PDB file of N, CA and C in Angstrom:
ATOM      1  N   MET A   1    -188.497  31.791 -47.918  1.00  0.00           N
ATOM      2  CA  MET A   1    -189.112  32.556 -49.160  1.00  0.00           C
ATOM      3  C   MET A   1    -187.847  32.842 -50.391  1.00  0.00           C
ATOM      4  N   ALA A   2    -188.128  32.053 -51.365  1.00  0.00           N
ATOM      5  CA  ALA A   2    -187.203  32.565 -52.135  1.00  0.00           C
ATOM      6  C   ALA A   2    -186.214  33.429 -52.840  1.00  0.00           C
ATOM      7  N   ARG A   3    -184.951  33.277 -52.544  1.00  0.00           N
ATOM      8  CA  ARG A   3    -184.244  34.091 -52.921  1.00  0.00           C
ATOM      9  C   ARG A   3    -184.643  34.142 -54.666  1.00  0.00           C
ATOM     10  N   ARG A   4    -184.019  35.423 -55.257  1.00  0.00           N
ATOM     11  CA  ARG A   4    -184.668  35.785 -56.816  1.00  0.00           C
ATOM     12  C   ARG A   4    -182.990  36.528 -57.399  1.00  0.00           C
ATOM     13  N   ALA A   5    -182.953  36.200 -58.341  1.00  0.00           N
ATOM     14  CA  ALA A   5    -181.565  37.197 -59.492  1.00  0.00           C
ATOM     15  C   ALA A   5    -182.007  37.474 -60.692  1.00  0.00           C
ATOM     16  N   ILE A   6    -182.216  38.819 -60.918  1.00  0.00           N
ATOM     17  CA  ILE A   6    -183.019  39.169 -61.993  1.00  0.00           C
ATOM     18  C   ILE A   6    -181.868  39.800 -62.810  1.00  0.00           C
ATOM     19  N   ILE A   7    -181.294  39.420 -64.365  1.00  0.00           N
ATOM     20  CA  ILE A   7    -180.507  38.834 -65.067  1.00  0.00           C
ATOM     21  C   ILE A   7    -180.885  39.802 -66.228  1.00  0.00           C
ATOM     22  N   LEU A   8    -180.637  40.894 -66.541  1.00  0.00           N
ATOM     23  CA  LEU A   8    -180.825  42.422 -67.879  1.00  0.00           C
ATOM     24  C   LEU A   8    -180.224  42.663 -67.740  1.00  0.00           C
ATOM     25  N   VAL A   9    -179.764  41.978 -69.352  1.00  0.00           N
ATOM     26  CA  VAL A   9    -178.524  42.376 -70.243  1.00  0.00           C
ATOM     27  C   VAL A   9    -179.168  43.377 -71.508  1.00  0.00           C
ATOM     28  N   LEU A  10    -178.406  44.772 -71.795  1.00  0.00           N
ATOM     29  CA  LEU A  10    -179.007  45.487 -72.648  1.00  0.00           C
ATOM     30  C   LEU A  10    -178.571  45.420 -74.118  1.00  0.00           C
ATOM     31  N   ASP A  11    -178.230  44.207 -74.353  1.00  0.00           N
ATOM     32  CA  ASP A  11    -177.223  44.191 -74.816  1.00  0.00           C
ATOM     33  C   ASP A  11    -177.560  45.386 -76.653  1.00  0.00           C
ATOM     34  N   CYS A  12    -176.847  45.156 -77.291  1.00  0.00           N
ATOM     35  CA  CYS A  12    -177.306  46.438 -78.623  1.00  0.00           C
ATOM     36  C   CYS A  12    -177.655  48.007 -78.359  1.00  0.00           C
ATOM     37  N   VAL A  13    -178.141  48.097 -76.592  1.00  0.00           N
ATOM     38  CA  VAL A  13    -178.264  49.499 -77.145  1.00  0.00           C
ATOM     39  C   VAL A  13    -177.409  50.598 -76.001  1.00  0.00           C
ATOM     40  N   GLY A  14    -177.443  51.367 -77.671  1.00  0.00           N
ATOM     41  CA  GLY A  14    -176.165  52.485 -76.676  1.00  0.00           C
ATOM     42  C   GLY A  14    -175.472  52.887 -76.338  1.00  0.00           C
ATOM     43  N   ILE A  15    -175.287  53.531 -76.067  1.00  0.00           N
ATOM     44  CA  ILE A  15    -175.199  55.068 -75.167  1.00  0.00           C
ATOM     45  C   ILE A  15    -174.379  56.069 -75.430  1.00  0.00           C
ATOM     46  N   GLY A  16    -174.252  56.406 -77.119  1.00  0.00           N
ATOM     47  CA  GLY A  16    -173.404  57.458 -77.412  1.00  0.00           C
ATOM     48  C   GLY A  16    -172.672  56.609 -78.666  1.00  0.00           C
ATOM     49  N   GLU A  17    -171.823  57.695 -78.820  1.00  0.00           N
ATOM     50  CA  GLU A  17    -170.727  57.156 -79.841  1.00  0.00           C
ATOM     51  C   GLU A  17    -169.390  57.004 -79.420  1.00  0.00           C
ATOM     52  N   LEU A  18    -168.680  56.005 -79.829  1.00  0.00           N
ATOM     53  CA  LEU A  18    -167.107  56.238 -79.541  1.00  0.00           C
ATOM     54  C   LEU A  18    -166.677  57.274 -80.542  1.00  0.00           C
ATOM     55  N   PRO A  19    -164.788  57.366 -80.059  1.00  0.00           N
ATOM     56  CA  PRO A  19    -164.587  58.881 -81.315  1.00  0.00           C
ATOM     57  C   PRO A  19    -163.707  58.323 -82.643  1.00  0.00           C
ATOM     58  N   ASP A  20    -164.246  56.907 -82.804  1.00  0.00           N
ATOM     59  CA  ASP A  20    -164.193  55.835 -84.518  1.00  0.00           C
ATOM     60  C   ASP A  20    -164.582  55.514 -84.821  1.00  0.00           C
ATOM     61  N   ALA A  21    -166.238  56.575 -84.260  1.00  0.00           N
ATOM     62  CA  ALA A  21    -167.657  56.058 -84.894  1.00  0.00           C
ATOM     63  C   ALA A  21    -167.604  56.343 -86.450  1.00  0.00           C
ATOM     64  N   HIS A  22    -167.574  57.560 -87.345  1.00  0.00           N
ATOM     65  CA  HIS A  22    -166.977  57.697 -87.395  1.00  0.00           C
ATOM     66  C   HIS A  22    -166.370  57.186 -89.544  1.00  0.00           C
ATOM     67  N   LEU A  23    -165.191  55.623 -88.436  1.00  0.00           N
ATOM     68  CA  LEU A  23    -164.891  55.113 -89.114  1.00  0.00           C
ATOM     69  C   LEU A  23    -165.741  54.126 -89.509  1.00  0.00           C
ATOM     70  N   PHE A  24    -166.271  53.982 -89.126  1.00  0.00           N
ATOM     71  CA  PHE A  24    -167.787  52.894 -89.271  1.00  0.00           C
ATOM     72  C   PHE A  24    -169.074  53.607 -89.641  1.00  0.00           C
ATOM     73  N   GLY A  25    -169.051  54.286 -89.684  1.00  0.00           N
ATOM     74  CA  GLY A  25    -170.392  54.860 -90.310  1.00  0.00           C
ATOM     75  C   GLY A  25    -171.677  54.798 -89.495  1.00  0.00           C
ATOM     76  N   ASP A  26    -171.020  55.336 -88.039  1.00  0.00           N
ATOM     77  CA  ASP A  26    -171.836  54.990 -86.923  1.00  0.00           C
ATOM     78  C   ASP A  26    -172.177  56.304 -86.567  1.00  0.00           C
ATOM     79  N   GLU A  27    -172.325  57.790 -86.735  1.00  0.00           N
ATOM     80  CA  GLU A  27    -171.872  59.252 -86.360  1.00  0.00           C
ATOM     81  C   GLU A  27    -173.504  59.329 -86.083  1.00  0.00           C
ATOM     82  N   GLY A  28    -173.404  59.174 -84.602  1.00  0.00           N
ATOM     83  CA  GLY A  28    -174.623  60.213 -83.882  1.00  0.00           C
ATOM     84  C   GLY A  28    -175.292  59.097 -83.489  1.00  0.00           C
ATOM     85  N   SER A  29    -175.039  57.121 -83.317  1.00  0.00           N
ATOM     86  CA  SER A  29    -175.761  56.423 -82.609  1.00  0.00           C
ATOM     87  C   SER A  29    -175.776  57.130 -81.186  1.00  0.00           C
ATOM     88  N   ASP A  30    -176.428  56.701 -80.818  1.00  0.00           N
ATOM     89  CA  ASP A  30    -177.389  56.392 -79.181  1.00  0.00           C
ATOM     90  C   ASP A  30    -179.197  56.708 -79.197  1.00  0.00           C
ATOM     91  N   THR A  31    -178.732  55.372 -78.810  1.00  0.00           N
ATOM     92  CA  THR A  31    -179.826  54.579 -79.254  1.00  0.00           C
ATOM     93  C   THR A  31    -180.571  54.979 -77.935  1.00  0.00           C
ATOM     94  N   LEU A  32    -180.127  55.059 -76.900  1.00  0.00           N
ATOM     95  CA  LEU A  32    -181.015  54.949 -75.461  1.00  0.00           C
ATOM     96  C   LEU A  32    -181.181  57.063 -75.418  1.00  0.00           C
ATOM     97  N   GLY A  33    -180.423  57.696 -76.010  1.00  0.00           N
ATOM     98  CA  GLY A  33    -180.374  59.407 -76.152  1.00  0.00           C
ATOM     99  C   GLY A  33    -181.440  59.396 -76.738  1.00  0.00           C
ATOM    100  N   ASN A  34    -181.111  58.743 -78.026  1.00  0.00           N
ATOM    101  CA  ASN A  34    -182.883  59.391 -79.636  1.00  0.00           C
ATOM    102  C   ASN A  34    -184.181  58.636 -78.658  1.00  0.00           C
ATOM    103  N   LEU A  35    -183.594  57.734 -78.059  1.00  0.00           N
ATOM    104  CA  LEU A  35    -184.968  56.783 -77.420  1.00  0.00           C
ATOM    105  C   LEU A  35    -186.116  58.676 -76.696  1.00  0.00           C
ATOM    106  N   SER A  36    -185.081  58.611 -75.778  1.00  0.00           N
ATOM    107  CA  SER A  36    -185.600  59.714 -74.818  1.00  0.00           C
ATOM    108  C   SER A  36    -186.213  60.789 -74.879  1.00  0.00           C
ATOM    109  N   ARG A  37    -184.782  61.036 -76.224  1.00  0.00           N
ATOM    110  CA  ARG A  37    -185.297  62.540 -77.045  1.00  0.00           C
ATOM    111  C   ARG A  37    -186.747  62.389 -77.887  1.00  0.00           C
ATOM    112  N   ALA A  38    -187.120  61.053 -78.512  1.00  0.00           N
ATOM    113  CA  ALA A  38    -188.135  61.017 -79.617  1.00  0.00           C
ATOM    114  C   ALA A  38    -189.677  60.884 -78.051  1.00  0.00           C
ATOM    115  N   PHE A  39    -190.468  61.367 -76.691  1.00  0.00           N
ATOM    116  CA  PHE A  39    -190.573  60.949 -76.790  1.00  0.00           C
ATOM    117  C   PHE A  39    -190.900  61.969 -75.830  1.00  0.00           C
ATOM    118  N   PRO A  40    -192.189  63.122 -75.817  1.00  0.00           N
ATOM    119  CA  PRO A  40    -192.143  64.468 -75.807  1.00  0.00           C
ATOM    120  C   PRO A  40    -191.611  64.267 -73.406  1.00  0.00           C
ATOM    121  N   GLU A  41    -192.128  63.281 -73.304  1.00  0.00           N
ATOM    122  CA  GLU A  41    -192.262  62.732 -71.434  1.00  0.00           C
ATOM    123  C   GLU A  41    -190.724  62.287 -70.775  1.00  0.00           C
ATOM    124  N   GLY A  42    -190.080  62.024 -71.585  1.00  0.00           N
ATOM    125  CA  GLY A  42    -188.723  60.920 -71.363  1.00  0.00           C
ATOM    126  C   GLY A  42    -188.976  59.444 -71.000  1.00  0.00           C
ATOM    127  N   LEU A  43    -188.134  58.932 -70.994  1.00  0.00           N
ATOM    128  CA  LEU A  43    -188.391  57.936 -70.887  1.00  0.00           C
ATOM    129  C   LEU A  43    -188.250  57.621 -68.993  1.00  0.00           C
ATOM    130  N   ARG A  44    -189.716  57.014 -68.480  1.00  0.00           N
ATOM    131  CA  ARG A  44    -189.489  55.897 -67.483  1.00  0.00           C
ATOM    132  C   ARG A  44    -188.605  54.822 -67.009  1.00  0.00           C
ATOM    133  N   LEU A  45    -188.014  55.047 -67.091  1.00  0.00           N
ATOM    134  CA  LEU A  45    -186.196  53.870 -65.826  1.00  0.00           C
ATOM    135  C   LEU A  45    -186.218  54.504 -64.233  1.00  0.00           C
ATOM    136  N   PRO A  46    -187.445  53.927 -63.257  1.00  0.00           N
ATOM    137  CA  PRO A  46    -186.745  54.090 -62.839  1.00  0.00           C
ATOM    138  C   PRO A  46    -186.267  53.753 -61.826  1.00  0.00           C
ATOM    139  N   ASN A  47    -185.713  52.290 -61.853  1.00  0.00           N
ATOM    140  CA  ASN A  47    -184.824  51.198 -61.462  1.00  0.00           C
ATOM    141  C   ASN A  47    -184.077  51.586 -62.101  1.00  0.00           C
ATOM    142  N   MET A  48    -183.913  52.173 -63.450  1.00  0.00           N
ATOM    143  CA  MET A  48    -182.390  51.724 -64.274  1.00  0.00           C
ATOM    144  C   MET A  48    -181.499  53.344 -63.378  1.00  0.00           C
ATOM    145  N   ALA A  49    -182.646  54.336 -62.752  1.00  0.00           N
ATOM    146  CA  ALA A  49    -182.048  55.754 -62.645  1.00  0.00           C
ATOM    147  C   ALA A  49    -181.111  55.303 -61.445  1.00  0.00           C
ATOM    148  N   LYS A  50    -182.218  54.510 -60.558  1.00  0.00           N
ATOM    149  CA  LYS A  50    -181.734  53.965 -58.873  1.00  0.00           C
ATOM    150  C   LYS A  50    -179.833  53.544 -58.978  1.00  0.00           C
ATOM    151  N   LEU A  51    -180.363  52.684 -60.320  1.00  0.00           N
ATOM    152  CA  LEU A  51    -179.089  52.238 -60.525  1.00  0.00           C
ATOM    153  C   LEU A  51    -177.781  53.337 -61.107  1.00  0.00           C
ATOM    154  N   GLY A  52    -178.003  53.538 -61.354  1.00  0.00           N
ATOM    155  CA  GLY A  52    -177.312  55.034 -62.223  1.00  0.00           C
ATOM    156  C   GLY A  52    -177.690  55.065 -63.211  1.00  0.00           C
ATOM    157  N   LEU A  53    -177.950  55.229 -64.304  1.00  0.00           N
ATOM    158  CA  LEU A  53    -178.427  54.969 -65.594  1.00  0.00           C
ATOM    159  C   LEU A  53    -178.145  56.112 -66.128  1.00  0.00           C
ATOM    160  N   GLY A  54    -179.040  57.644 -64.797  1.00  0.00           N
ATOM    161  CA  GLY A  54    -178.875  59.357 -65.516  1.00  0.00           C
ATOM    162  C   GLY A  54    -177.987  59.523 -65.185  1.00  0.00           C
ATOM    163  N   ASN A  55    -177.015  58.464 -65.001  1.00  0.00           N
ATOM    164  CA  ASN A  55    -175.401  59.462 -63.916  1.00  0.00           C
ATOM    165  C   ASN A  55    -174.037  58.928 -65.791  1.00  0.00           C
ATOM    166  N   ILE A  56    -174.338  58.169 -66.213  1.00  0.00           N
ATOM    167  CA  ILE A  56    -173.784  58.206 -68.035  1.00  0.00           C
ATOM    168  C   ILE A  56    -174.022  58.549 -69.213  1.00  0.00           C
ATOM    169  N   ALA A  57    -175.298  59.368 -69.173  1.00  0.00           N
ATOM    170  CA  ALA A  57    -175.598  60.219 -70.203  1.00  0.00           C
ATOM    171  C   ALA A  57    -176.491  60.331 -70.050  1.00  0.00           C
ATOM    172  N   GLU A  58    -176.513  62.389 -70.381  1.00  0.00           N
ATOM    173  CA  GLU A  58    -178.062  63.111 -70.396  1.00  0.00           C
ATOM    174  C   GLU A  58    -178.867  62.037 -71.518  1.00  0.00           C
ATOM    175  N   LEU A  59    -180.665  61.697 -70.886  1.00  0.00           N
ATOM    176  CA  LEU A  59    -181.227  61.032 -70.648  1.00  0.00           C
ATOM    177  C   LEU A  59    -182.498  61.550 -70.604  1.00  0.00           C
ATOM    178  N   ARG A  60    -183.294  62.447 -71.784  1.00  0.00           N
ATOM    179  CA  ARG A  60    -184.682  62.583 -70.807  1.00  0.00           C
ATOM    180  C   ARG A  60    -185.776  62.228 -70.276  1.00  0.00           C
ATOM    181  N   GLY A  61    -185.791  62.631 -68.995  1.00  0.00           N
ATOM    182  CA  GLY A  61    -186.006  61.395 -68.251  1.00  0.00           C
ATOM    183  C   GLY A  61    -185.798  60.478 -67.509  1.00  0.00           C
ATOM    184  N   VAL A  62    -184.758  60.556 -67.322  1.00  0.00           N
ATOM    185  CA  VAL A  62    -183.437  59.485 -66.615  1.00  0.00           C
ATOM    186  C   VAL A  62    -182.734  60.852 -65.914  1.00  0.00           C
ATOM    187  N   PRO A  63    -183.752  60.818 -64.204  1.00  0.00           N
ATOM    188  CA  PRO A  63    -182.630  62.123 -63.854  1.00  0.00           C
ATOM    189  C   PRO A  63    -181.016  61.066 -62.757  1.00  0.00           C
ATOM    190  N   PRO A  64    -180.293  62.033 -63.131  1.00  0.00           N
ATOM    191  CA  PRO A  64    -179.148  61.410 -62.550  1.00  0.00           C
ATOM    192  C   PRO A  64    -179.452  60.840 -60.722  1.00  0.00           C
ATOM    193  N   ASN A  65    -178.625  59.738 -60.068  1.00  0.00           N
ATOM    194  CA  ASN A  65    -179.142  59.374 -59.198  1.00  0.00           C
ATOM    195  C   ASN A  65    -177.984  59.260 -58.122  1.00  0.00           C
ATOM    196  N   PRO A  66    -178.018  60.806 -57.402  1.00  0.00           N
ATOM    197  CA  PRO A  66    -176.543  60.910 -56.537  1.00  0.00           C
ATOM    198  C   PRO A  66    -175.233  60.410 -55.574  1.00  0.00           C
TER     199      PRO A  66
END
């Protein structure tokens, strides 16, 4: 059986703003949070949820993984 590795790079997919966001005009920047609020059911990312994405920030449709 062949062994495979999948590498997923989420470049420029932000979760929340940094404390100095106001210095760069980035107040309210939260790409994943805004996307999750844009859909009534939220996001469906079961594999990312299993990896703990919902533990980083509150995202509609992505529960925390205990």
